[in-house]
Amino acid sequence: MVCSSTYMICRCLIHSNMIFWKVFCSPRTFTQAHAVTLQSQDTHPRAEAMQIKLLRQAGAAKRTSITFRLTHSARTLSLQNLQRQHPDWTLAQCRLHLFELLHGKELAHKVRARLAQV
């Protein structure tokens, strides 16, 4: 099945958040096979329904912007958490470790080797 390009961006950036999978797919490309029960623990169902409605009505550029901001926030929080867990690490070490967590050891090893050459 092929969904929209917005879905692909969202799938790459927030691969574990199924809510955005449903919200960002346009109604004509979204199938019942991908249906997800939405119920936030801290949001009233009517408020959640309104949020979803507004996201669906937003254009692709707005949804993509939201996706990028959420991704940036998640990475920033992850980096801050690593800095708290490892106060003896430099910022560069924390960033490389986060890169490894997100992209795997093999690619992180290549990045470290490349940085060592510079």
PDB file of N, CA and C in Angstrom:
ATOM      1  N   MET A   1       0.829  -1.179   0.000  1.00  0.00           N
ATOM      2  CA  MET A   1       0.000   0.000   0.000  1.00  0.00           C
ATOM      3  C   MET A   1       0.875   1.246   0.000  1.00  0.00           C
ATOM      4  N   VAL A   2       0.508   2.229  -0.752  1.00  0.00           N
ATOM      5  CA  VAL A   2       1.244   3.476  -0.793  1.00  0.00           C
ATOM      6  C   VAL A   2       0.384   4.560  -0.187  1.00  0.00           C
ATOM      7  N   CYS A   3       0.957   5.286   0.735  1.00  0.00           N
ATOM      8  CA  CYS A   3       0.232   6.402   1.343  1.00  0.00           C
ATOM      9  C   CYS A   3       0.846   7.691   0.807  1.00  0.00           C
ATOM     10  N   SER A   4       0.562   8.799   1.432  1.00  0.00           N
ATOM     11  CA  SER A   4       1.054  10.082   0.941  1.00  0.00           C
ATOM     12  C   SER A   4       2.513  10.305   1.320  1.00  0.00           C
ATOM     13  N   SER A   5       3.147  11.276   0.666  1.00  0.00           N
ATOM     14  CA  SER A   5       4.533  11.605   1.009  1.00  0.00           C
ATOM     15  C   SER A   5       4.615  12.167   2.413  1.00  0.00           C
ATOM     16  N   THR A   6       3.566  12.850   2.871  1.00  0.00           N
ATOM     17  CA  THR A   6       3.542  13.355   4.243  1.00  0.00           C
ATOM     18  C   THR A   6       3.624  12.189   5.216  1.00  0.00           C
ATOM     19  N   TYR A   7       2.914  11.115   4.893  1.00  0.00           N
ATOM     20  CA  TYR A   7       2.978   9.920   5.726  1.00  0.00           C
ATOM     21  C   TYR A   7       4.408   9.396   5.789  1.00  0.00           C
ATOM     22  N   MET A   8       5.079   9.366   4.645  1.00  0.00           N
ATOM     23  CA  MET A   8       6.441   8.824   4.609  1.00  0.00           C
ATOM     24  C   MET A   8       7.369   9.658   5.484  1.00  0.00           C
ATOM     25  N   ILE A   9       7.258  10.977   5.424  1.00  0.00           N
ATOM     26  CA  ILE A   9       8.078  11.839   6.275  1.00  0.00           C
ATOM     27  C   ILE A   9       7.756  11.550   7.730  1.00  0.00           C
ATOM     28  N   CYS A  10       6.487  11.505   8.034  1.00  0.00           N
ATOM     29  CA  CYS A  10       6.069  11.258   9.403  1.00  0.00           C
ATOM     30  C   CYS A  10       6.520   9.882   9.866  1.00  0.00           C
ATOM     31  N   ARG A  11       6.394   8.885   9.016  1.00  0.00           N
ATOM     32  CA  ARG A  11       6.782   7.522   9.363  1.00  0.00           C
ATOM     33  C   ARG A  11       8.271   7.457   9.670  1.00  0.00           C
ATOM     34  N   CYS A  12       9.077   8.195   8.918  1.00  0.00           N
ATOM     35  CA  CYS A  12      10.516   8.202   9.154  1.00  0.00           C
ATOM     36  C   CYS A  12      10.866   8.915  10.453  1.00  0.00           C
ATOM     37  N   LEU A  13      10.196  10.015  10.733  1.00  0.00           N
ATOM     38  CA  LEU A  13      10.567  10.834  11.879  1.00  0.00           C
ATOM     39  C   LEU A  13       9.945  10.374  13.188  1.00  0.00           C
ATOM     40  N   ILE A  14       8.742   9.893  13.117  1.00  0.00           N
ATOM     41  CA  ILE A  14       8.050   9.484  14.332  1.00  0.00           C
ATOM     42  C   ILE A  14       7.489   8.093  14.101  1.00  0.00           C
ATOM     43  N   HIS A  15       8.371   7.151  13.854  1.00  0.00           N
ATOM     44  CA  HIS A  15       7.950   5.828  13.440  1.00  0.00           C
ATOM     45  C   HIS A  15       7.149   5.084  14.485  1.00  0.00           C
ATOM     46  N   SER A  16       7.270   5.407  15.740  1.00  0.00           N
ATOM     47  CA  SER A  16       6.543   4.648  16.752  1.00  0.00           C
ATOM     48  C   SER A  16       5.240   5.315  17.171  1.00  0.00           C
ATOM     49  N   ASN A  17       4.948   6.481  16.663  1.00  0.00           N
ATOM     50  CA  ASN A  17       3.740   7.177  17.083  1.00  0.00           C
ATOM     51  C   ASN A  17       2.624   6.929  16.079  1.00  0.00           C
ATOM     52  N   MET A  18       1.808   5.940  16.349  1.00  0.00           N
ATOM     53  CA  MET A  18       0.769   5.536  15.415  1.00  0.00           C
ATOM     54  C   MET A  18      -0.315   6.595  15.266  1.00  0.00           C
ATOM     55  N   ILE A  19      -0.466   7.460  16.244  1.00  0.00           N
ATOM     56  CA  ILE A  19      -1.470   8.513  16.148  1.00  0.00           C
ATOM     57  C   ILE A  19      -1.186   9.389  14.941  1.00  0.00           C
ATOM     58  N   PHE A  20       0.052   9.782  14.767  1.00  0.00           N
ATOM     59  CA  PHE A  20       0.373  10.649  13.648  1.00  0.00           C
ATOM     60  C   PHE A  20       0.239   9.909  12.327  1.00  0.00           C
ATOM     61  N   TRP A  21       0.442   8.621  12.336  1.00  0.00           N
ATOM     62  CA  TRP A  21       0.239   7.826  11.129  1.00  0.00           C
ATOM     63  C   TRP A  21      -1.196   8.020  10.665  1.00  0.00           C
ATOM     64  N   LYS A  22      -2.141   7.917  11.583  1.00  0.00           N
ATOM     65  CA  LYS A  22      -3.547   8.058  11.228  1.00  0.00           C
ATOM     66  C   LYS A  22      -3.895   9.513  10.897  1.00  0.00           C
ATOM     67  N   VAL A  23      -3.431  10.430  11.688  1.00  0.00           N
ATOM     68  CA  VAL A  23      -3.811  11.829  11.521  1.00  0.00           C
ATOM     69  C   VAL A  23      -3.289  12.410  10.220  1.00  0.00           C
ATOM     70  N   PHE A  24      -2.050  12.112   9.866  1.00  0.00           N
ATOM     71  CA  PHE A  24      -1.440  12.770   8.723  1.00  0.00           C
ATOM     72  C   PHE A  24      -1.808  12.156   7.383  1.00  0.00           C
ATOM     73  N   CYS A  25      -2.310  10.967   7.367  1.00  0.00           N
ATOM     74  CA  CYS A  25      -2.740  10.380   6.099  1.00  0.00           C
ATOM     75  C   CYS A  25      -4.061  11.017   5.690  1.00  0.00           C
ATOM     76  N   SER A  26      -4.181  11.349   4.443  1.00  0.00           N
ATOM     77  CA  SER A  26      -5.443  11.928   3.989  1.00  0.00           C
ATOM     78  C   SER A  26      -6.509  10.845   4.009  1.00  0.00           C
ATOM     79  N   PRO A  27      -7.772  11.232   4.161  1.00  0.00           N
ATOM     80  CA  PRO A  27      -8.840  10.222   4.240  1.00  0.00           C
ATOM     81  C   PRO A  27      -8.879   9.282   3.031  1.00  0.00           C
ATOM     82  N   ARG A  28      -8.525   9.749   1.847  1.00  0.00           N
ATOM     83  CA  ARG A  28      -8.615   8.894   0.677  1.00  0.00           C
ATOM     84  C   ARG A  28      -7.478   7.888   0.591  1.00  0.00           C
ATOM     85  N   THR A  29      -6.365   8.122   1.296  1.00  0.00           N
ATOM     86  CA  THR A  29      -5.253   7.173   1.259  1.00  0.00           C
ATOM     87  C   THR A  29      -5.184   6.315   2.516  1.00  0.00           C
ATOM     88  N   PHE A  30      -5.980   6.658   3.508  1.00  0.00           N
ATOM     89  CA  PHE A  30      -5.970   5.923   4.766  1.00  0.00           C
ATOM     90  C   PHE A  30      -6.994   4.803   4.697  1.00  0.00           C
ATOM     91  N   THR A  31      -6.597   3.584   5.045  1.00  0.00           N
ATOM     92  CA  THR A  31      -7.522   2.455   4.977  1.00  0.00           C
ATOM     93  C   THR A  31      -7.811   1.921   6.365  1.00  0.00           C
ATOM     94  N   GLN A  32      -8.861   1.161   6.469  1.00  0.00           N
ATOM     95  CA  GLN A  32      -9.246   0.589   7.744  1.00  0.00           C
ATOM     96  C   GLN A  32      -8.165  -0.342   8.296  1.00  0.00           C
ATOM     97  N   ALA A  33      -7.339  -0.892   7.452  1.00  0.00           N
ATOM     98  CA  ALA A  33      -6.275  -1.795   7.903  1.00  0.00           C
ATOM     99  C   ALA A  33      -5.294  -1.090   8.824  1.00  0.00           C
ATOM    100  N   HIS A  34      -5.266   0.236   8.750  1.00  0.00           N
ATOM    101  CA  HIS A  34      -4.321   1.006   9.549  1.00  0.00           C
ATOM    102  C   HIS A  34      -4.999   1.757  10.688  1.00  0.00           C
ATOM    103  N   ALA A  35      -6.260   1.431  10.951  1.00  0.00           N
ATOM    104  CA  ALA A  35      -7.000   2.144  11.984  1.00  0.00           C
ATOM    105  C   ALA A  35      -6.368   1.922  13.350  1.00  0.00           C
ATOM    106  N   VAL A  36      -6.380   2.974  14.143  1.00  0.00           N
ATOM    107  CA  VAL A  36      -5.803   2.943  15.477  1.00  0.00           C
ATOM    108  C   VAL A  36      -6.816   3.558  16.426  1.00  0.00           C
ATOM    109  N   THR A  37      -6.998   2.954  17.584  1.00  0.00           N
ATOM    110  CA  THR A  37      -7.871   3.541  18.580  1.00  0.00           C
ATOM    111  C   THR A  37      -7.103   4.678  19.243  1.00  0.00           C
ATOM    112  N   LEU A  38      -7.671   5.865  19.183  1.00  0.00           N
ATOM    113  CA  LEU A  38      -7.018   7.023  19.770  1.00  0.00           C
ATOM    114  C   LEU A  38      -7.668   7.358  21.101  1.00  0.00           C
ATOM    115  N   GLN A  39      -6.886   7.445  22.109  1.00  0.00           N
ATOM    116  CA  GLN A  39      -7.376   7.883  23.403  1.00  0.00           C
ATOM    117  C   GLN A  39      -6.186   8.276  24.254  1.00  0.00           C
ATOM    118  N   SER A  40      -5.931   9.560  24.309  1.00  0.00           N
ATOM    119  CA  SER A  40      -4.858  10.063  25.146  1.00  0.00           C
ATOM    120  C   SER A  40      -5.245   9.893  26.600  1.00  0.00           C
ATOM    121  N   GLN A  41      -4.275   9.685  27.439  1.00  0.00           N
ATOM    122  CA  GLN A  41      -4.550   9.521  28.860  1.00  0.00           C
ATOM    123  C   GLN A  41      -4.892  10.846  29.532  1.00  0.00           C
ATOM    124  N   ASP A  42      -4.363  11.944  28.985  1.00  0.00           N
ATOM    125  CA  ASP A  42      -4.559  13.230  29.645  1.00  0.00           C
ATOM    126  C   ASP A  42      -5.391  14.220  28.823  1.00  0.00           C
ATOM    127  N   THR A  43      -6.089  13.728  27.802  1.00  0.00           N
ATOM    128  CA  THR A  43      -6.894  14.596  26.947  1.00  0.00           C
ATOM    129  C   THR A  43      -8.309  14.047  26.847  1.00  0.00           C
ATOM    130  N   HIS A  44      -9.272  14.923  27.038  1.00  0.00           N
ATOM    131  CA  HIS A  44     -10.669  14.528  26.927  1.00  0.00           C
ATOM    132  C   HIS A  44     -10.935  14.079  25.487  1.00  0.00           C
ATOM    133  N   PRO A  45     -11.745  13.035  25.290  1.00  0.00           N
ATOM    134  CA  PRO A  45     -12.004  12.532  23.926  1.00  0.00           C
ATOM    135  C   PRO A  45     -12.499  13.598  22.950  1.00  0.00           C
ATOM    136  N   ARG A  46     -13.344  14.530  23.408  1.00  0.00           N
ATOM    137  CA  ARG A  46     -13.824  15.582  22.498  1.00  0.00           C
ATOM    138  C   ARG A  46     -12.698  16.541  22.111  1.00  0.00           C
ATOM    139  N   ALA A  47     -11.829  16.843  23.062  1.00  0.00           N
ATOM    140  CA  ALA A  47     -10.683  17.709  22.760  1.00  0.00           C
ATOM    141  C   ALA A  47      -9.737  17.003  21.791  1.00  0.00           C
ATOM    142  N   GLU A  48      -9.533  15.718  22.016  1.00  0.00           N
ATOM    143  CA  GLU A  48      -8.673  14.939  21.129  1.00  0.00           C
ATOM    144  C   GLU A  48      -9.255  14.878  19.720  1.00  0.00           C
ATOM    145  N   ALA A  49     -10.552  14.687  19.625  1.00  0.00           N
ATOM    146  CA  ALA A  49     -11.214  14.652  18.315  1.00  0.00           C
ATOM    147  C   ALA A  49     -11.047  15.990  17.593  1.00  0.00           C
ATOM    148  N   MET A  50     -11.147  17.092  18.339  1.00  0.00           N
ATOM    149  CA  MET A  50     -10.967  18.416  17.736  1.00  0.00           C
ATOM    150  C   MET A  50      -9.524  18.604  17.265  1.00  0.00           C
ATOM    151  N   GLN A  51      -8.562  18.155  18.057  1.00  0.00           N
ATOM    152  CA  GLN A  51      -7.156  18.242  17.647  1.00  0.00           C
ATOM    153  C   GLN A  51      -6.930  17.484  16.340  1.00  0.00           C
ATOM    154  N   ILE A  52      -7.477  16.294  16.262  1.00  0.00           N
ATOM    155  CA  ILE A  52      -7.317  15.468  15.065  1.00  0.00           C
ATOM    156  C   ILE A  52      -7.987  16.142  13.873  1.00  0.00           C
ATOM    157  N   LYS A  53      -9.169  16.681  14.081  1.00  0.00           N
ATOM    158  CA  LYS A  53      -9.887  17.374  13.002  1.00  0.00           C
ATOM    159  C   LYS A  53      -9.048  18.548  12.483  1.00  0.00           C
ATOM    160  N   LEU A  54      -8.489  19.331  13.402  1.00  0.00           N
ATOM    161  CA  LEU A  54      -7.676  20.484  12.988  1.00  0.00           C
ATOM    162  C   LEU A  54      -6.413  20.052  12.253  1.00  0.00           C
ATOM    163  N   LEU A  55      -5.794  18.971  12.702  1.00  0.00           N
ATOM    164  CA  LEU A  55      -4.604  18.473  12.016  1.00  0.00           C
ATOM    165  C   LEU A  55      -4.946  17.988  10.609  1.00  0.00           C
ATOM    166  N   ARG A  56      -6.078  17.328  10.474  1.00  0.00           N
ATOM    167  CA  ARG A  56      -6.488  16.854   9.151  1.00  0.00           C
ATOM    168  C   ARG A  56      -6.799  18.008   8.213  1.00  0.00           C
ATOM    169  N   GLN A  57      -7.334  19.089   8.753  1.00  0.00           N
ATOM    170  CA  GLN A  57      -7.674  20.245   7.924  1.00  0.00           C
ATOM    171  C   GLN A  57      -6.445  21.070   7.539  1.00  0.00           C
ATOM    172  N   ALA A  58      -5.386  20.944   8.306  1.00  0.00           N
ATOM    173  CA  ALA A  58      -4.166  21.706   8.022  1.00  0.00           C
ATOM    174  C   ALA A  58      -3.549  21.220   6.711  1.00  0.00           C
ATOM    175  N   GLY A  59      -2.880  22.103   6.042  1.00  0.00           N
ATOM    176  CA  GLY A  59      -2.205  21.725   4.803  1.00  0.00           C
ATOM    177  C   GLY A  59      -0.985  20.862   5.074  1.00  0.00           C
ATOM    178  N   ALA A  60      -0.446  20.318   4.007  1.00  0.00           N
ATOM    179  CA  ALA A  60       0.723  19.437   4.124  1.00  0.00           C
ATOM    180  C   ALA A  60       1.910  20.170   4.739  1.00  0.00           C
ATOM    181  N   ALA A  61       2.104  21.431   4.371  1.00  0.00           N
ATOM    182  CA  ALA A  61       3.236  22.195   4.912  1.00  0.00           C
ATOM    183  C   ALA A  61       3.100  22.366   6.421  1.00  0.00           C
ATOM    184  N   LYS A  62       1.908  22.640   6.890  1.00  0.00           N
ATOM    185  CA  LYS A  62       1.671  22.816   8.325  1.00  0.00           C
ATOM    186  C   LYS A  62       1.889  21.505   9.072  1.00  0.00           C
ATOM    187  N   ARG A  63       1.362  20.399   8.533  1.00  0.00           N
ATOM    188  CA  ARG A  63       1.548  19.096   9.183  1.00  0.00           C
ATOM    189  C   ARG A  63       3.027  18.704   9.212  1.00  0.00           C
ATOM    190  N   THR A  64       3.720  18.991   8.133  1.00  0.00           N
ATOM    191  CA  THR A  64       5.150  18.684   8.089  1.00  0.00           C
ATOM    192  C   THR A  64       5.901  19.534   9.105  1.00  0.00           C
ATOM    193  N   SER A  65       5.534  20.799   9.209  1.00  0.00           N
ATOM    194  CA  SER A  65       6.155  21.688  10.194  1.00  0.00           C
ATOM    195  C   SER A  65       5.930  21.174  11.615  1.00  0.00           C
ATOM    196  N   ILE A  66       4.725  20.729  11.903  1.00  0.00           N
ATOM    197  CA  ILE A  66       4.418  20.167  13.222  1.00  0.00           C
ATOM    198  C   ILE A  66       5.279  18.932  13.479  1.00  0.00           C
ATOM    199  N   THR A  67       5.395  18.082  12.479  1.00  0.00           N
ATOM    200  CA  THR A  67       6.199  16.872  12.606  1.00  0.00           C
ATOM    201  C   THR A  67       7.652  17.211  12.922  1.00  0.00           C
ATOM    202  N   PHE A  68       8.206  18.170  12.182  1.00  0.00           N
ATOM    203  CA  PHE A  68       9.601  18.556  12.419  1.00  0.00           C
ATOM    204  C   PHE A  68       9.785  19.168  13.803  1.00  0.00           C
ATOM    205  N   ARG A  69       8.832  19.986  14.255  1.00  0.00           N
ATOM    206  CA  ARG A  69       8.944  20.584  15.590  1.00  0.00           C
ATOM    207  C   ARG A  69       8.868  19.523  16.674  1.00  0.00           C
ATOM    208  N   LEU A  70       7.952  18.549  16.509  1.00  0.00           N
ATOM    209  CA  LEU A  70       7.856  17.464  17.484  1.00  0.00           C
ATOM    210  C   LEU A  70       9.137  16.628  17.517  1.00  0.00           C
ATOM    211  N   THR A  71       9.682  16.361  16.354  1.00  0.00           N
ATOM    212  CA  THR A  71      10.926  15.597  16.274  1.00  0.00           C
ATOM    213  C   THR A  71      12.060  16.352  16.953  1.00  0.00           C
ATOM    214  N   HIS A  72      12.153  17.644  16.676  1.00  0.00           N
ATOM    215  CA  HIS A  72      13.197  18.472  17.296  1.00  0.00           C
ATOM    216  C   HIS A  72      13.043  18.467  18.816  1.00  0.00           C
ATOM    217  N   SER A  73      11.815  18.603  19.291  1.00  0.00           N
ATOM    218  CA  SER A  73      11.575  18.594  20.741  1.00  0.00           C
ATOM    219  C   SER A  73      11.965  17.253  21.358  1.00  0.00           C
ATOM    220  N   ALA A  74      11.601  16.165  20.697  1.00  0.00           N
ATOM    221  CA  ALA A  74      11.939  14.833  21.222  1.00  0.00           C
ATOM    222  C   ALA A  74      13.445  14.631  21.280  1.00  0.00           C
ATOM    223  N   ARG A  75      14.144  15.068  20.235  1.00  0.00           N
ATOM    224  CA  ARG A  75      15.610  14.923  20.236  1.00  0.00           C
ATOM    225  C   ARG A  75      16.257  15.811  21.293  1.00  0.00           C
ATOM    226  N   THR A  76      15.742  17.013  21.460  1.00  0.00           N
ATOM    227  CA  THR A  76      16.280  17.920  22.479  1.00  0.00           C
ATOM    228  C   THR A  76      16.098  17.330  23.870  1.00  0.00           C
ATOM    229  N   LEU A  77      14.916  16.810  24.147  1.00  0.00           N
ATOM    230  CA  LEU A  77      14.669  16.185  25.446  1.00  0.00           C
ATOM    231  C   LEU A  77      15.536  14.953  25.648  1.00  0.00           C
ATOM    232  N   SER A  78      15.728  14.164  24.608  1.00  0.00           N
ATOM    233  CA  SER A  78      16.590  12.980  24.700  1.00  0.00           C
ATOM    234  C   SER A  78      18.030  13.378  24.989  1.00  0.00           C
ATOM    235  N   LEU A  79      18.493  14.420  24.327  1.00  0.00           N
ATOM    236  CA  LEU A  79      19.860  14.893  24.551  1.00  0.00           C
ATOM    237  C   LEU A  79      20.030  15.411  25.982  1.00  0.00           C
ATOM    238  N   GLN A  80      19.051  16.154  26.460  1.00  0.00           N
ATOM    239  CA  GLN A  80      19.108  16.646  27.842  1.00  0.00           C
ATOM    240  C   GLN A  80      19.124  15.492  28.839  1.00  0.00           C
ATOM    241  N   ASN A  81      18.355  14.455  28.556  1.00  0.00           N
ATOM    242  CA  ASN A  81      18.335  13.288  29.421  1.00  0.00           C
ATOM    243  C   ASN A  81      19.697  12.591  29.439  1.00  0.00           C
ATOM    244  N   LEU A  82      20.315  12.466  28.279  1.00  0.00           N
ATOM    245  CA  LEU A  82      21.656  11.858  28.221  1.00  0.00           C
ATOM    246  C   LEU A  82      22.670  12.693  29.002  1.00  0.00           C
ATOM    247  N   GLN A  83      22.552  13.995  28.917  1.00  0.00           N
ATOM    248  CA  GLN A  83      23.478  14.861  29.653  1.00  0.00           C
ATOM    249  C   GLN A  83      23.292  14.697  31.166  1.00  0.00           C
ATOM    250  N   ARG A  84      22.043  14.495  31.608  1.00  0.00           N
ATOM    251  CA  ARG A  84      21.795  14.258  33.033  1.00  0.00           C
ATOM    252  C   ARG A  84      22.313  12.891  33.466  1.00  0.00           C
ATOM    253  N   GLN A  85      22.134  11.892  32.613  1.00  0.00           N
ATOM    254  CA  GLN A  85      22.573  10.540  32.947  1.00  0.00           C
ATOM    255  C   GLN A  85      24.090  10.407  32.944  1.00  0.00           C
ATOM    256  N   HIS A  86      24.757  11.199  32.111  1.00  0.00           N
ATOM    257  CA  HIS A  86      26.218  11.107  31.956  1.00  0.00           C
ATOM    258  C   HIS A  86      26.839  12.492  32.101  1.00  0.00           C
ATOM    259  N   PRO A  87      26.887  13.035  33.305  1.00  0.00           N
ATOM    260  CA  PRO A  87      27.415  14.395  33.498  1.00  0.00           C
ATOM    261  C   PRO A  87      28.903  14.529  33.132  1.00  0.00           C
ATOM    262  N   ASP A  88      29.606  13.409  33.073  1.00  0.00           N
ATOM    263  CA  ASP A  88      31.020  13.438  32.722  1.00  0.00           C
ATOM    264  C   ASP A  88      31.252  13.475  31.206  1.00  0.00           C
ATOM    265  N   TRP A  89      30.215  13.253  30.405  1.00  0.00           N
ATOM    266  CA  TRP A  89      30.347  13.280  28.944  1.00  0.00           C
ATOM    267  C   TRP A  89      30.279  14.708  28.427  1.00  0.00           C
ATOM    268  N   THR A  90      31.007  14.954  27.350  1.00  0.00           N
ATOM    269  CA  THR A  90      30.901  16.247  26.674  1.00  0.00           C
ATOM    270  C   THR A  90      29.603  16.281  25.860  1.00  0.00           C
ATOM    271  N   LEU A  91      29.233  17.464  25.406  1.00  0.00           N
ATOM    272  CA  LEU A  91      28.053  17.590  24.565  1.00  0.00           C
ATOM    273  C   LEU A  91      28.216  16.769  23.288  1.00  0.00           C
ATOM    274  N   ALA A  92      29.423  16.774  22.728  1.00  0.00           N
ATOM    275  CA  ALA A  92      29.684  16.004  21.511  1.00  0.00           C
ATOM    276  C   ALA A  92      29.490  14.501  21.754  1.00  0.00           C
ATOM    277  N   GLN A  93      29.933  14.007  22.894  1.00  0.00           N
ATOM    278  CA  GLN A  93      29.761  12.593  23.221  1.00  0.00           C
ATOM    279  C   GLN A  93      28.274  12.247  23.369  1.00  0.00           C
ATOM    280  N   CYS A  94      27.529  13.124  24.007  1.00  0.00           N
ATOM    281  CA  CYS A  94      26.091  12.899  24.156  1.00  0.00           C
ATOM    282  C   CYS A  94      25.401  12.889  22.790  1.00  0.00           C
ATOM    283  N   ARG A  95      25.790  13.816  21.926  1.00  0.00           N
ATOM    284  CA  ARG A  95      25.190  13.864  20.595  1.00  0.00           C
ATOM    285  C   ARG A  95      25.507  12.606  19.792  1.00  0.00           C
ATOM    286  N   LEU A  96      26.743  12.136  19.883  1.00  0.00           N
ATOM    287  CA  LEU A  96      27.109  10.916  19.164  1.00  0.00           C
ATOM    288  C   LEU A  96      26.371   9.694  19.705  1.00  0.00           C
ATOM    289  N   HIS A  97      26.187   9.654  21.007  1.00  0.00           N
ATOM    290  CA  HIS A  97      25.450   8.537  21.592  1.00  0.00           C
ATOM    291  C   HIS A  97      23.983   8.579  21.156  1.00  0.00           C
ATOM    292  N   LEU A  98      23.395   9.760  21.140  1.00  0.00           N
ATOM    293  CA  LEU A  98      22.018   9.894  20.666  1.00  0.00           C
ATOM    294  C   LEU A  98      21.918   9.482  19.199  1.00  0.00           C
ATOM    295  N   PHE A  99      22.903   9.885  18.407  1.00  0.00           N
ATOM    296  CA  PHE A  99      22.938   9.482  17.001  1.00  0.00           C
ATOM    297  C   PHE A  99      22.964   7.958  16.894  1.00  0.00           C
ATOM    298  N   GLU A 100      23.758   7.317  17.747  1.00  0.00           N
ATOM    299  CA  GLU A 100      23.837   5.851  17.740  1.00  0.00           C
ATOM    300  C   GLU A 100      22.497   5.224  18.122  1.00  0.00           C
ATOM    301  N   LEU A 101      21.834   5.779  19.112  1.00  0.00           N
ATOM    302  CA  LEU A 101      20.538   5.253  19.521  1.00  0.00           C
ATOM    303  C   LEU A 101      19.498   5.382  18.402  1.00  0.00           C
ATOM    304  N   LEU A 102      19.570   6.464  17.655  1.00  0.00           N
ATOM    305  CA  LEU A 102      18.587   6.723  16.604  1.00  0.00           C
ATOM    306  C   LEU A 102      18.898   5.999  15.302  1.00  0.00           C
ATOM    307  N   HIS A 103      20.194   5.865  14.980  1.00  0.00           N
ATOM    308  CA  HIS A 103      20.568   5.371  13.648  1.00  0.00           C
ATOM    309  C   HIS A 103      21.359   4.071  13.640  1.00  0.00           C
ATOM    310  N   GLY A 104      21.699   3.568  14.820  1.00  0.00           N
ATOM    311  CA  GLY A 104      22.393   2.288  14.896  1.00  0.00           C
ATOM    312  C   GLY A 104      23.900   2.418  15.075  1.00  0.00           C
ATOM    313  N   LYS A 105      24.480   1.327  15.579  1.00  0.00           N
ATOM    314  CA  LYS A 105      25.909   1.315  15.892  1.00  0.00           C
ATOM    315  C   LYS A 105      26.786   1.404  14.653  1.00  0.00           C
ATOM    316  N   GLU A 106      26.369   0.730  13.590  1.00  0.00           N
ATOM    317  CA  GLU A 106      27.198   0.705  12.382  1.00  0.00           C
ATOM    318  C   GLU A 106      27.399   2.111  11.810  1.00  0.00           C
ATOM    319  N   LEU A 107      26.318   2.845  11.655  1.00  0.00           N
ATOM    320  CA  LEU A 107      26.426   4.199  11.113  1.00  0.00           C
ATOM    321  C   LEU A 107      27.140   5.128  12.088  1.00  0.00           C
ATOM    322  N   ALA A 108      26.873   4.964  13.376  1.00  0.00           N
ATOM    323  CA  ALA A 108      27.553   5.783  14.382  1.00  0.00           C
ATOM    324  C   ALA A 108      29.059   5.535  14.361  1.00  0.00           C
ATOM    325  N   HIS A 109      29.453   4.287  14.159  1.00  0.00           N
ATOM    326  CA  HIS A 109      30.878   3.964  14.072  1.00  0.00           C
ATOM    327  C   HIS A 109      31.517   4.687  12.886  1.00  0.00           C
ATOM    328  N   LYS A 110      30.834   4.720  11.754  1.00  0.00           N
ATOM    329  CA  LYS A 110      31.344   5.414  10.574  1.00  0.00           C
ATOM    330  C   LYS A 110      31.470   6.917  10.828  1.00  0.00           C
ATOM    331  N   VAL A 111      30.496   7.470  11.529  1.00  0.00           N
ATOM    332  CA  VAL A 111      30.551   8.902  11.848  1.00  0.00           C
ATOM    333  C   VAL A 111      31.721   9.187  12.783  1.00  0.00           C
ATOM    334  N   ARG A 112      31.894   8.345  13.792  1.00  0.00           N
ATOM    335  CA  ARG A 112      33.022   8.544  14.723  1.00  0.00           C
ATOM    336  C   ARG A 112      34.365   8.446  13.984  1.00  0.00           C
ATOM    337  N   ALA A 113      34.480   7.488  13.068  1.00  0.00           N
ATOM    338  CA  ALA A 113      35.710   7.342  12.313  1.00  0.00           C
ATOM    339  C   ALA A 113      35.963   8.573  11.451  1.00  0.00           C
ATOM    340  N   ARG A 114      34.918   9.076  10.844  1.00  0.00           N
ATOM    341  CA  ARG A 114      35.046  10.274  10.004  1.00  0.00           C
ATOM    342  C   ARG A 114      35.433  11.487  10.838  1.00  0.00           C
ATOM    343  N   LEU A 115      34.834  11.628  12.014  1.00  0.00           N
ATOM    344  CA  LEU A 115      35.173  12.751  12.887  1.00  0.00           C
ATOM    345  C   LEU A 115      36.613  12.666  13.390  1.00  0.00           C
ATOM    346  N   ALA A 116      37.109  11.454  13.562  1.00  0.00           N
ATOM    347  CA  ALA A 116      38.487  11.272  14.014  1.00  0.00           C
ATOM    348  C   ALA A 116      39.491  11.729  12.952  1.00  0.00           C
ATOM    349  N   GLN A 117      39.073  11.671  11.682  1.00  0.00           N
ATOM    350  CA  GLN A 117      39.944  12.092  10.582  1.00  0.00           C
ATOM    351  C   GLN A 117      40.055  13.612  10.490  1.00  0.00           C
ATOM    352  N   VAL A 118      39.056  14.297  10.968  1.00  0.00           N
ATOM    353  CA  VAL A 118      39.013  15.760  10.832  1.00  0.00           C
ATOM    354  C   VAL A 118      39.851  16.440  11.876  1.00  0.00           C
TER     355      VAL A 118
END
